Each structure stands twice: as structure tokens, then as C-alpha cells.
């Protein structure tokens, strides 16, 4: 009888001496370990929903807290159904270089292959990893849900709840899978050498472009921009919540980036996790310094968004760059995010939580960083412009396509069911108008929140 080795011992061997471990682990056990790692990473990414909910609600006004929490909660449920019914098939199903054309409702695939056997079925683009299809689907689902959640913060405090739900379904079912197929599903960008390891473009920029289109169609919140051009600050009501939410997101990113190995590879996971954290730390410090210099104070919202900017920027290059490069990428992201927040206010694009600056702008930068900093073929490492060119093509193609399609959807929703609440409801707060309950029952709204009534 074959001698069995405990999973704990195998993991210890894999961590300490990879060469010995690979010789000792049979294919069945390897798939089991890989599957366990992928599922654990998916659970971490799922927990990012809590981070987004706390961050976004904390950075907005108390009178809209229930509405923002409700959007962040329901968006994953909507994404789950949309991705299962059609989105996953469009993104990963066999088809053309432009779109998948198989795999609706996860049909047409061998969902439970014998351990160690290669995957077979209509999702050939996922054949590179041997974990069961259901684990692959769950891991990709939490990414799709993240893209939809990004939109929530940018359109906060004035969008109709029902319209946001409808848009989220369309985004995850039809729009998100297009760029995803091009980059990850065997599409034309992948064949051109485009690299986006964990989704600076596929997740964050797609969510950011969709958010930008929505913000432009919605317009700014009442009282945000004064007739004389003065930008009126509307501070968040709970910075404790926002800070805890950011820490949850930082934790969740250890599933987001390292989990994208889709295998329990000790060396790869370790490098990616360290790169992820170092970029976040560098982004935090850079944003703090820049905000302190420009604004005269180390604004906490900038500190938090600088951390997130570093995380978004390292998401694409995390597996391709050195630890030193990850620090540089994070530092640049922290600088970029502060100037981006100020820029969007200057052009009167109202984003209550800084989602555009974090996810769109730094999603673009992070994707470009692959071409600049990759140790194998990056521009700054003697590789020439080939990688950078491929990255720029991917950024442009996904950006233009996503923005145009989502802009059309937002305009269609505006012309049919409407997307913005009434003036009266916005001034009173969406918690009462949209949900009939308050987050803080018994407490009067602050003067800051109600002062918009005189505008």
C-alpha cells in the first residue's frame, strides 16, 4: 500500500525545500493543495466586499450609509447570478479571439476530473491549472464582483438603487467579460503578449471606466461645486469605518494577487505577496507626503487611497517585477492618486470616495508598469519597447470599449427608468428615500449634510 503523507507535512516540505516537495507530492495531492489554496484565496477576495462597504460608507455622509451598504451587499449577489448565467461563458468559453461562445450555466465541461488529470471541456483557456472547474469559477466570480463594486463608490449619494442593480447585472454579464476574454480567456490581447497578472486592467480599470461613464451621466452631487467655481468639501462621516475597510482590503489583496497563481507554488506566492504589501506601504507613504505638502495636512482619506492606489498598481505586475520595483511602483501610485483626486475635482467630476483616482488611473498605470518594470523584457531592464507597446494597446482597447459600451448603457437607463434620485430625496438622504430606514436611528443629520438645502 502506498504510504500517505499528511497535508501539513507536504505543505511544510513545499515551503522549505520545493525541489524535494515536488518529487514527493503525487498528482492527486498536488491538485488537492492547489484547490485548497485557490479556495482560500477566493474567500479572502470575497471578504473584500466588507472592506469596500466600510470604506465607501465611511467616506460618504451618514444620511446615505444604508444605501451604500445595501449596494455593496447586493452587488455580489447580482454578480453571482450574472456571471454564472452568461458572463463566465463569454469570458472563458471557447469561441473566437473576441468573445467566448460556450459554457453558459457552466455547461459543457468536465466539472470534476480525476485528480491530477488535465481539465477538459469548453473552457480551454483555463486548462493551464488543474483545480476543479467549480473552484476556478468561484475564484473568477469574486473578481467579477469586485469590478462591479468599484462603480458603487464613484456614483454614491445620488444614484437610484434599482438602476445600480440593473447596471451591475449588465456589467458583469456582458461588459466585464469582453476585456476579460481578450486578456485572460484566450483572446487577441493575450496573443499579442499583453500581461495583466491579477487585474489592474481586467478588474480595476474596467470598473473604473464604467464608473467614469456613470459619473459623467449622473453629474455631481448637489452643492459640491459652487457657482463661483469653489469646490465644497463633503467630508465622510466615519473615518474609523473607512480605515478599517482599507485594512480589510489590504488583507483581501493577499488573496487577490497571490491567489492568481491558481496553484500552491511557494516561491511565486511569496514573491507576489511581498510585492503586494510593499507597494501598498510605499503608496501609503507617498500619498501621505504629497497630501501633506499640497494640502498642509496629512489628510487621512488621501493616506487610505494612497495605500489602495499602491495595491491597484501592483496588481498587474506583481508576478513580473522585483521587490525593489514594487516599492517604486507603489511610490509612484501614491503620488499619482493625490494629483488625480485634485484633477477630478478641478474638472468637476464628482467622485465621493476617489474610486476613479484609485482604480481607473492607477489601474492604467499598473498595467503600463508591467512594460516598464518587468525583470524579463521590461523597458527599464533593457527589454526595449515591445512589452510597453503591448501594454498600451491593451489599455487603450479595453478602456475605449468599456467606456463606450457602459456610457451607452448609462444613457439608456437614464432615458428609460432613470438613474438619479430627486433633489428632495438627495437632500434628505437616500437611506430614507430609497430604503425607509436610517443607519443611525435617533441621531439628527449634521449641519454639514443638511447645509446643501440652502444651495
Protein backbone atom coordinates (compact mmCIF):
# COMPACT_ATOMS: atom_id res chain seq x y z
CA UNK A 1 0.00 0.00 0.00
CA UNK A 2 1.28 3.45 -0.90
CA UNK A 3 2.44 5.38 2.15
CA UNK A 4 0.35 8.51 2.71
CA UNK A 5 1.93 11.76 3.86
CA UNK A 6 -0.13 14.30 5.74
CA UNK A 7 -1.10 17.54 4.04
CA UNK A 8 0.57 19.55 6.78
CA UNK A 9 3.91 17.81 6.23
CA UNK A 10 3.62 18.25 2.48
CA UNK A 11 2.97 21.95 2.88
CA UNK A 12 6.00 22.25 5.17
CA UNK A 13 8.13 20.42 2.64
CA UNK A 14 6.84 22.62 -0.16
CA UNK A 15 7.71 25.72 1.81
CA UNK A 16 11.16 24.60 2.92
CA UNK A 17 12.50 22.57 0.02
CA UNK A 18 10.45 22.96 -3.16
CA UNK A 19 12.55 20.54 -5.18
CA UNK A 20 12.13 17.71 -2.68
CA UNK A 21 8.44 18.50 -2.24
CA UNK A 22 7.72 18.30 -5.95
CA UNK A 23 9.31 14.90 -6.10
CA UNK A 24 7.33 13.67 -3.09
CA UNK A 25 3.87 15.02 -3.92
CA UNK A 26 1.80 12.80 -6.16
CA UNK A 27 -0.54 14.46 -8.72
CA UNK A 28 -3.65 13.80 -6.63
CA UNK A 29 -2.24 15.56 -3.58
CA UNK A 30 -0.92 18.46 -5.65
CA UNK A 31 -4.36 19.15 -7.08
CA UNK A 32 -5.84 18.97 -3.58
CA UNK A 33 -3.31 21.50 -2.27
CA UNK A 34 -3.79 23.76 -5.29
CA UNK A 35 -7.55 23.64 -4.86
CA UNK A 36 -7.33 24.44 -1.16
CA UNK A 37 -5.12 27.44 -1.92
CA UNK A 38 -7.41 28.74 -4.69
CA UNK A 39 -10.49 28.46 -2.47
CA UNK A 40 -8.76 30.17 0.46
CA UNK A 41 -7.70 32.99 -1.86
CA UNK A 42 -11.27 33.28 -3.18
CA UNK A 43 -12.57 33.57 0.37
CA UNK A 44 -10.10 36.39 1.05
CA UNK A 45 -11.21 38.24 -2.08
CA UNK A 46 -14.85 37.73 -1.13
CA UNK A 47 -14.10 39.37 2.23
CA UNK A 48 -13.02 42.46 0.29
CA UNK A 49 -16.74 43.15 -0.11
CA UNK A 50 -16.76 44.03 3.58
CA UNK A 51 -13.79 46.32 3.03
CA UNK A 52 -15.46 48.17 0.18
CA UNK A 53 -18.70 48.52 2.16
CA UNK A 54 -16.93 50.03 5.17
CA UNK A 55 -14.64 52.24 3.11
CA UNK A 56 -17.35 53.67 0.87
CA UNK A 57 -19.93 54.19 3.60
CA UNK A 58 -17.34 55.81 5.84
CA UNK A 59 -16.23 58.26 3.14
CA UNK A 60 -19.81 59.33 2.42
CA UNK A 61 -22.44 61.12 4.50
CA UNK A 62 -24.32 59.44 7.35
CA UNK A 63 -27.67 60.03 5.64
CA UNK A 64 -26.60 57.72 2.77
CA UNK A 65 -24.88 54.97 4.76
CA UNK A 66 -27.67 52.38 4.46
CA UNK A 67 -27.90 52.94 0.71
CA UNK A 68 -24.17 52.43 0.20
CA UNK A 69 -24.08 49.36 2.42
CA UNK A 70 -27.07 47.90 0.57
CA UNK A 71 -25.40 48.46 -2.80
CA UNK A 72 -22.17 46.84 -1.67
CA UNK A 73 -24.06 43.89 -0.28
CA UNK A 74 -26.42 43.18 -3.14
CA UNK A 75 -23.83 43.71 -5.87
CA UNK A 76 -22.15 40.39 -5.14
CA UNK A 77 -25.45 38.54 -5.28
CA UNK A 78 -26.26 40.17 -8.62
CA UNK A 79 -22.75 39.45 -9.90
CA UNK A 80 -23.00 35.80 -8.89
CA UNK A 81 -26.11 35.19 -10.96
CA UNK A 82 -24.95 37.30 -13.92
CA UNK A 83 -21.54 35.62 -14.09
CA UNK A 84 -22.98 32.10 -13.71
CA UNK A 85 -25.70 32.56 -16.34
CA UNK A 86 -23.65 34.20 -19.07
CA UNK A 87 -20.57 36.19 -18.01
CA UNK A 88 -18.24 33.28 -17.30
CA UNK A 89 -19.04 31.69 -20.66
CA UNK A 90 -18.40 34.92 -22.54
CA UNK A 91 -15.13 35.41 -20.70
CA UNK A 92 -13.62 31.93 -20.66
CA UNK A 93 -15.71 29.81 -23.01
CA UNK A 94 -14.26 28.54 -26.25
CA UNK A 95 -15.08 30.87 -29.10
CA UNK A 96 -13.24 33.50 -31.11
CA UNK A 97 -10.40 35.84 -30.25
CA UNK A 98 -13.04 38.45 -29.44
CA UNK A 99 -15.51 36.60 -27.21
CA UNK A 100 -16.36 33.22 -25.72
CA UNK A 101 -19.35 31.40 -27.20
CA UNK A 102 -19.84 28.40 -24.90
CA UNK A 103 -20.30 27.47 -21.29
CA UNK A 104 -23.50 29.18 -20.20
CA UNK A 105 -24.54 28.00 -16.71
CA UNK A 106 -21.18 26.15 -16.56
CA UNK A 107 -22.47 23.58 -19.03
CA UNK A 108 -20.32 21.63 -21.46
CA UNK A 109 -17.37 20.97 -19.16
CA UNK A 110 -15.99 18.18 -17.02
CA UNK A 111 -16.53 19.76 -13.61
CA UNK A 112 -14.83 17.05 -11.56
CA UNK A 113 -11.93 15.48 -13.47
CA UNK A 114 -9.91 12.77 -11.84
CA UNK A 115 -7.32 14.28 -9.55
CA UNK A 116 -4.20 15.13 -11.49
CA UNK A 117 -5.90 14.91 -14.88
CA UNK A 118 -5.88 17.92 -17.16
CA UNK A 119 -9.13 19.86 -17.36
CA UNK A 120 -11.21 19.16 -20.47
CA UNK A 121 -14.27 20.90 -21.83
CA UNK A 122 -15.42 24.17 -23.33
CA UNK A 123 -13.17 26.35 -21.15
CA UNK A 124 -9.84 25.58 -22.80
CA UNK A 125 -8.35 28.91 -21.66
CA UNK A 126 -8.39 27.57 -18.10
CA UNK A 127 -6.64 24.31 -18.96
CA UNK A 128 -3.35 25.60 -17.55
CA UNK A 129 -4.42 24.88 -13.97
CA UNK A 130 -5.68 21.51 -12.80
CA UNK A 131 -8.03 22.57 -9.99
CA UNK A 132 -11.71 21.65 -10.44
CA UNK A 133 -13.80 23.94 -12.61
CA UNK A 134 -16.04 24.98 -9.74
CA UNK A 135 -13.04 26.32 -7.82
CA UNK A 136 -11.91 28.22 -10.92
CA UNK A 137 -15.38 29.68 -11.32
CA UNK A 138 -15.62 30.83 -7.70
CA UNK A 139 -12.22 32.49 -7.87
CA UNK A 140 -13.12 34.33 -11.08
CA UNK A 141 -16.53 35.25 -9.69
CA UNK A 142 -15.12 37.21 -6.77
CA UNK A 143 -13.02 39.19 -9.25
CA UNK A 144 -16.09 40.00 -11.35
CA UNK A 145 -17.92 41.14 -8.22
CA UNK A 146 -15.02 43.43 -7.35
CA UNK A 147 -15.23 45.18 -10.72
CA UNK A 148 -18.91 45.93 -10.14
CA UNK A 149 -18.29 47.12 -6.59
CA UNK A 150 -15.81 49.74 -7.82
CA UNK A 151 -18.67 51.53 -9.58
CA UNK A 152 -20.66 51.80 -6.36
CA UNK A 153 -18.40 54.33 -4.66
CA UNK A 154 -17.98 56.67 -7.60
CA UNK A 155 -21.75 57.06 -8.18
CA UNK A 156 -22.61 57.20 -4.47
CA UNK A 157 -25.08 59.57 -2.83
CA UNK A 158 -27.27 60.29 -5.87
CA UNK A 159 -27.98 57.12 -7.86
CA UNK A 160 -31.22 55.12 -7.76
CA UNK A 161 -30.78 51.76 -6.08
CA UNK A 162 -32.72 49.87 -8.75
CA UNK A 163 -30.78 51.44 -11.60
CA UNK A 164 -27.49 50.47 -9.94
CA UNK A 165 -28.68 46.87 -9.61
CA UNK A 166 -29.64 46.69 -13.29
CA UNK A 167 -26.35 48.25 -14.40
CA UNK A 168 -24.35 45.84 -12.22
CA UNK A 169 -26.04 42.84 -13.82
CA UNK A 170 -25.33 44.12 -17.34
CA UNK A 171 -21.74 44.99 -16.48
CA UNK A 172 -20.88 41.54 -15.10
CA UNK A 173 -22.92 39.58 -17.64
CA UNK A 174 -21.82 41.35 -20.82
CA UNK A 175 -19.22 44.14 -20.46
CA UNK A 176 -16.66 42.86 -17.96
CA UNK A 177 -16.26 39.53 -19.84
CA UNK A 178 -15.21 41.26 -23.07
CA UNK A 179 -11.95 42.71 -21.76
CA UNK A 180 -11.54 39.64 -19.58
CA UNK A 181 -11.73 37.32 -22.58
CA UNK A 182 -9.26 39.41 -24.55
CA UNK A 183 -6.67 39.24 -21.76
CA UNK A 184 -7.40 36.03 -19.83
CA UNK A 185 -9.77 33.96 -21.93
CA UNK A 186 -7.51 33.21 -24.89
CA UNK A 187 -8.36 36.40 -26.74
CA UNK A 188 -6.42 38.61 -29.08
CA UNK A 189 -4.66 40.70 -26.43
CA UNK A 190 -3.11 37.64 -24.83
CA UNK A 191 -1.82 36.53 -28.23
CA UNK A 192 -0.13 39.92 -28.62
CA UNK A 193 1.77 39.49 -25.36
CA UNK A 194 -0.44 41.65 -23.14
CA UNK A 195 0.15 40.86 -19.45
CA UNK A 196 -2.17 41.59 -16.55
CA UNK A 197 -1.43 39.05 -13.86
CA UNK A 198 -4.24 39.78 -11.41
CA UNK A 199 -6.35 42.50 -13.00
CA UNK A 200 -5.11 46.11 -12.94
CA UNK A 201 -6.92 46.42 -16.26
CA UNK A 202 -9.31 43.48 -16.33
CA UNK A 203 -10.79 44.25 -12.91
CA UNK A 204 -9.82 47.73 -11.77
CA UNK A 205 -9.70 49.72 -14.99
CA UNK A 206 -12.86 48.11 -16.34
CA UNK A 207 -14.63 49.01 -13.10
CA UNK A 208 -13.08 52.47 -13.28
CA UNK A 209 -14.11 53.15 -16.88
CA UNK A 210 -17.66 52.02 -16.10
CA UNK A 211 -17.67 54.31 -13.06
CA UNK A 212 -16.39 57.28 -15.06
CA UNK A 213 -19.18 56.87 -17.61
CA UNK A 214 -21.72 56.72 -14.80
CA UNK A 215 -20.36 59.80 -13.04
CA UNK A 216 -20.46 61.83 -16.26
CA UNK A 217 -24.08 60.90 -16.94
CA UNK A 218 -25.18 61.39 -13.31
CA UNK A 219 -23.48 64.71 -12.71
CA UNK A 220 -22.12 65.96 -9.37
CA UNK A 221 -23.88 65.92 -6.02
CA UNK A 222 -25.96 68.96 -5.12
CA UNK A 223 -23.77 71.64 -3.58
CA UNK A 224 -20.45 70.01 -4.43
CA UNK A 225 -19.32 72.65 -6.92
CA UNK A 226 -20.30 76.26 -6.23
CA UNK A 227 -21.32 78.71 -8.99
CA UNK A 228 -18.12 80.69 -8.42
CA UNK A 229 -16.01 77.59 -9.09
CA UNK A 230 -15.19 76.82 -5.46
CA UNK A 231 -15.06 73.09 -4.63
CA UNK A 232 -17.12 72.49 -1.49
CA UNK A 233 -15.75 69.60 0.59
CA UNK A 234 -18.29 66.99 1.69
CA UNK A 235 -16.36 65.02 4.31
CA UNK A 236 -17.00 61.39 5.08
CA UNK A 237 -18.96 60.74 8.26
CA UNK A 238 -16.96 57.82 9.71
CA UNK A 239 -13.23 57.66 9.16
CA UNK A 240 -12.97 54.75 11.59
CA UNK A 241 -15.07 52.67 9.21
CA UNK A 242 -13.08 53.89 6.21
CA UNK A 243 -9.77 52.99 7.87
CA UNK A 244 -10.91 49.53 8.91
CA UNK A 245 -12.32 48.98 5.42
CA UNK A 246 -8.95 49.82 3.88
CA UNK A 247 -7.17 47.38 6.18
CA UNK A 248 -9.66 44.66 5.18
CA UNK A 249 -8.95 45.42 1.53
CA UNK A 250 -5.20 45.22 2.14
CA UNK A 251 -5.74 41.80 3.70
CA UNK A 252 -8.01 40.70 0.87
CA UNK A 253 -5.37 41.62 -1.69
CA UNK A 254 -3.26 38.73 -0.36
CA UNK A 255 -5.89 36.53 -1.96
CA UNK A 256 -6.37 38.76 -4.99
CA UNK A 257 -2.77 38.78 -6.21
CA UNK A 258 -1.08 35.63 -4.85
CA UNK A 259 -4.25 33.61 -5.49
CA UNK A 260 -3.97 34.34 -9.19
CA UNK A 261 -1.20 31.74 -9.37
CA UNK A 262 -4.11 29.25 -9.17
CA UNK A 263 -1.58 26.85 -7.65
CA UNK A 264 0.15 26.42 -4.30
CA UNK A 265 3.54 27.49 -5.65
CA UNK A 266 5.56 28.59 -2.60
CA UNK A 267 8.12 30.72 -4.41
CA UNK A 268 5.60 32.53 -6.61
CA UNK A 269 3.12 33.15 -3.80
CA UNK A 270 5.81 34.52 -1.50
CA UNK A 271 7.18 36.97 -4.06
CA UNK A 272 3.73 38.17 -5.12
CA UNK A 273 2.54 38.62 -1.53
CA UNK A 274 5.63 40.62 -0.60
CA UNK A 275 5.42 42.76 -3.73
CA UNK A 276 1.76 43.42 -2.98
CA UNK A 277 2.38 44.57 0.57
CA UNK A 278 5.45 46.64 -0.22
CA UNK A 279 3.63 48.52 -2.98
CA UNK A 280 0.77 49.25 -0.58
CA UNK A 281 3.16 50.55 2.07
CA UNK A 282 5.02 52.71 -0.43
CA UNK A 283 1.76 54.08 -1.82
CA UNK A 284 0.62 54.97 1.68
CA UNK A 285 3.81 56.86 2.49
CA UNK A 286 3.98 58.68 -0.84
CA UNK A 287 0.35 59.83 -0.70
CA UNK A 288 0.83 61.00 2.89
CA UNK A 289 3.86 63.06 1.94
CA UNK A 290 2.28 64.59 -1.16
CA UNK A 291 -1.01 65.39 0.58
CA UNK A 292 0.87 66.93 3.49
CA UNK A 293 2.84 69.10 1.09
CA UNK A 294 -0.06 70.19 -1.11
CA UNK A 295 -2.84 70.44 1.46
CA UNK A 296 -0.88 71.37 4.56
CA UNK A 297 -2.16 68.35 6.48
CA UNK A 298 -1.71 64.56 6.19
CA UNK A 299 -5.32 64.02 5.07
CA UNK A 300 -6.45 60.54 6.18
CA UNK A 301 -8.60 59.93 3.10
CA UNK A 302 -5.51 60.51 0.95
CA UNK A 303 -3.48 58.18 3.18
CA UNK A 304 -6.06 55.43 2.71
CA UNK A 305 -6.44 55.96 -1.03
CA UNK A 306 -2.66 56.06 -1.44
CA UNK A 307 -2.50 52.59 0.08
CA UNK A 308 -5.20 51.33 -2.25
CA UNK A 309 -3.50 53.00 -5.22
CA UNK A 310 -0.33 51.05 -4.49
CA UNK A 311 -2.34 47.84 -4.32
CA UNK A 312 -4.13 48.51 -7.60
CA UNK A 313 -0.91 49.49 -9.37
CA UNK A 314 0.94 46.34 -8.33
CA UNK A 315 -1.93 44.04 -9.29
CA UNK A 316 -0.86 43.64 -12.92
CA UNK A 317 2.94 43.44 -12.46
CA UNK A 318 3.08 41.65 -9.08
CA UNK A 319 4.43 38.38 -10.56
CA UNK A 320 6.80 40.01 -13.03
CA UNK A 321 8.77 42.56 -11.00
CA UNK A 322 11.33 42.61 -8.19
CA UNK A 323 10.62 43.77 -4.65
CA UNK A 324 12.56 46.95 -5.33
CA UNK A 325 10.47 47.69 -8.38
CA UNK A 326 7.27 47.08 -6.41
CA UNK A 327 8.32 49.81 -3.98
CA UNK A 328 8.94 52.24 -6.85
CA UNK A 329 5.58 51.35 -8.41
CA UNK A 330 3.85 51.94 -5.08
CA UNK A 331 5.60 55.28 -4.55
CA UNK A 332 4.56 56.50 -7.99
CA UNK A 333 1.00 55.29 -7.44
CA UNK A 334 0.79 57.20 -4.16
CA UNK A 335 1.86 60.40 -5.89
CA UNK A 336 -0.45 59.86 -8.85
CA UNK A 337 -3.56 59.24 -6.75
CA UNK A 338 -3.34 62.56 -4.89
CA UNK A 339 -2.95 64.57 -8.06
CA UNK A 340 -5.73 62.55 -9.71
CA UNK A 341 -8.17 63.33 -6.89
CA UNK A 342 -7.38 67.04 -7.20
CA UNK A 343 -7.66 66.86 -11.00
CA UNK A 344 -11.12 65.28 -11.00
CA UNK A 345 -12.37 67.95 -8.61
CA UNK A 346 -10.83 70.66 -10.78
CA UNK A 347 -12.78 69.44 -13.82
CA UNK A 348 -15.93 68.95 -11.69
CA UNK A 349 -16.13 65.18 -11.93
CA UNK A 350 -17.62 64.27 -8.55
CA UNK A 351 -16.31 61.01 -7.11
CA UNK A 352 -17.15 60.83 -3.38
CA UNK A 353 -14.64 58.10 -2.49
CA UNK A 354 -11.82 58.60 -5.01
CA UNK A 355 -12.61 55.39 -6.91
CA UNK A 356 -11.63 56.88 -10.26
CA UNK A 357 -8.26 58.02 -8.95
CA UNK A 358 -7.55 54.70 -7.27
CA UNK A 359 -8.94 52.11 -9.67
CA UNK A 360 -9.06 53.77 -13.08
CA UNK A 361 -5.97 55.96 -13.06
CA UNK A 362 -3.76 53.54 -11.14
CA UNK A 363 -5.20 50.55 -12.97
CA UNK A 364 -3.89 52.15 -16.14
CA UNK A 365 -0.57 52.98 -14.50
CA UNK A 366 -0.17 49.49 -13.03
CA UNK A 367 -0.78 47.86 -16.38
CA UNK A 368 1.77 50.14 -18.02
CA UNK A 369 4.21 49.33 -15.19
CA UNK A 370 4.49 45.77 -16.49
CA UNK A 371 6.06 47.06 -19.68
CA UNK A 372 8.36 49.37 -17.75
CA UNK A 373 9.48 47.32 -14.74
CA UNK A 374 9.19 43.63 -15.74
CA UNK A 375 12.51 41.95 -14.95
CA UNK A 376 12.10 39.90 -18.13
CA UNK A 377 11.80 42.31 -21.03
CA UNK A 378 10.75 45.50 -19.27
CA UNK A 379 11.84 48.82 -20.75
CA UNK A 380 13.86 49.78 -17.67
CA UNK A 381 15.58 46.40 -17.68
CA UNK A 382 16.89 46.52 -21.22
CA UNK A 383 13.94 44.91 -22.94
CA UNK A 384 13.05 47.70 -25.32
CA UNK A 385 9.56 48.95 -26.13
CA UNK A 386 7.90 45.67 -27.13
CA UNK A 387 6.25 44.95 -23.77
CA UNK A 388 5.30 48.58 -23.23
CA UNK A 389 3.67 48.72 -26.65
CA UNK A 390 1.62 45.60 -25.94
CA UNK A 391 0.52 47.06 -22.62
CA UNK A 392 -0.51 50.36 -24.19
CA UNK A 393 -2.56 48.57 -26.84
CA UNK A 394 -4.36 46.60 -24.14
CA UNK A 395 -5.01 49.67 -22.02
CA UNK A 396 -6.44 51.56 -24.96
CA UNK A 397 -8.54 48.75 -26.40
CA UNK A 398 -10.13 47.74 -23.11
CA UNK A 399 -10.57 51.35 -22.00
CA UNK A 400 -12.28 52.62 -25.14
CA UNK A 401 -14.51 49.57 -25.46
CA UNK A 402 -15.58 49.59 -21.82
CA UNK A 403 -16.19 53.33 -21.68
CA UNK A 404 -18.23 53.46 -24.89
CA UNK A 405 -20.39 50.45 -24.01
CA UNK A 406 -21.03 51.48 -20.42
CA UNK A 407 -21.75 55.07 -21.46
CA UNK A 408 -24.42 53.74 -23.82
CA UNK A 409 -25.91 51.63 -21.01
CA UNK A 410 -25.99 54.54 -18.57
CA UNK A 411 -27.65 56.77 -21.16
CA UNK A 412 -30.21 54.06 -21.97
CA UNK A 413 -31.03 53.62 -18.28
CA UNK A 414 -31.33 57.39 -17.85
CA UNK A 415 -33.77 57.60 -20.76
CA UNK A 416 -35.92 54.70 -19.52
CA UNK A 417 -36.06 54.01 -15.78
CA UNK A 418 -33.94 57.00 -14.72
CA UNK A 419 -30.71 56.84 -12.77
CA UNK A 420 -30.74 59.80 -10.37
CA UNK A 421 -32.91 60.32 -7.32
CA UNK A 422 -34.96 63.50 -6.96
CA UNK A 423 -33.49 66.67 -5.50
CA UNK A 424 -35.62 66.29 -2.39
CA UNK A 425 -34.50 62.71 -1.84
CA UNK A 426 -30.85 63.59 -2.34
CA UNK A 427 -31.06 66.40 0.22
CA UNK A 428 -32.93 64.30 2.75
CA UNK A 429 -30.70 61.29 2.22
CA UNK A 430 -31.07 58.11 0.22
CA UNK A 431 -31.44 56.00 3.34
CA UNK A 432 -34.95 57.32 3.92
CA UNK A 433 -35.98 57.81 0.28
CA UNK A 434 -34.63 54.54 -1.12
CA UNK A 435 -34.80 52.19 1.88
CA UNK A 436 -37.06 53.72 4.51
CA UNK A 437 -34.53 53.26 7.33
CA UNK A 438 -31.58 55.13 8.78
CA UNK A 439 -28.13 53.81 9.68
CA UNK A 440 -28.07 55.86 12.89
CA UNK A 441 -31.66 55.97 14.14
CA UNK A 442 -32.32 58.75 16.62
CA UNK A 443 -29.44 60.98 15.57
CA UNK A 444 -30.02 64.21 13.69
CA UNK A 445 -28.08 64.76 10.49
CA UNK A 446 -25.09 67.02 10.85
CA UNK A 447 -25.23 70.64 9.77
CA UNK A 448 -22.72 69.82 7.05
CA UNK A 449 -25.05 67.27 5.48
CA UNK A 450 -28.17 69.39 5.64
CA UNK A 451 -26.48 72.62 4.53
CA UNK A 452 -26.91 71.63 0.90
CA UNK A 453 -30.58 72.59 1.26
CA UNK A 454 -29.66 76.27 1.04
CA UNK A 455 -27.62 75.85 -2.14
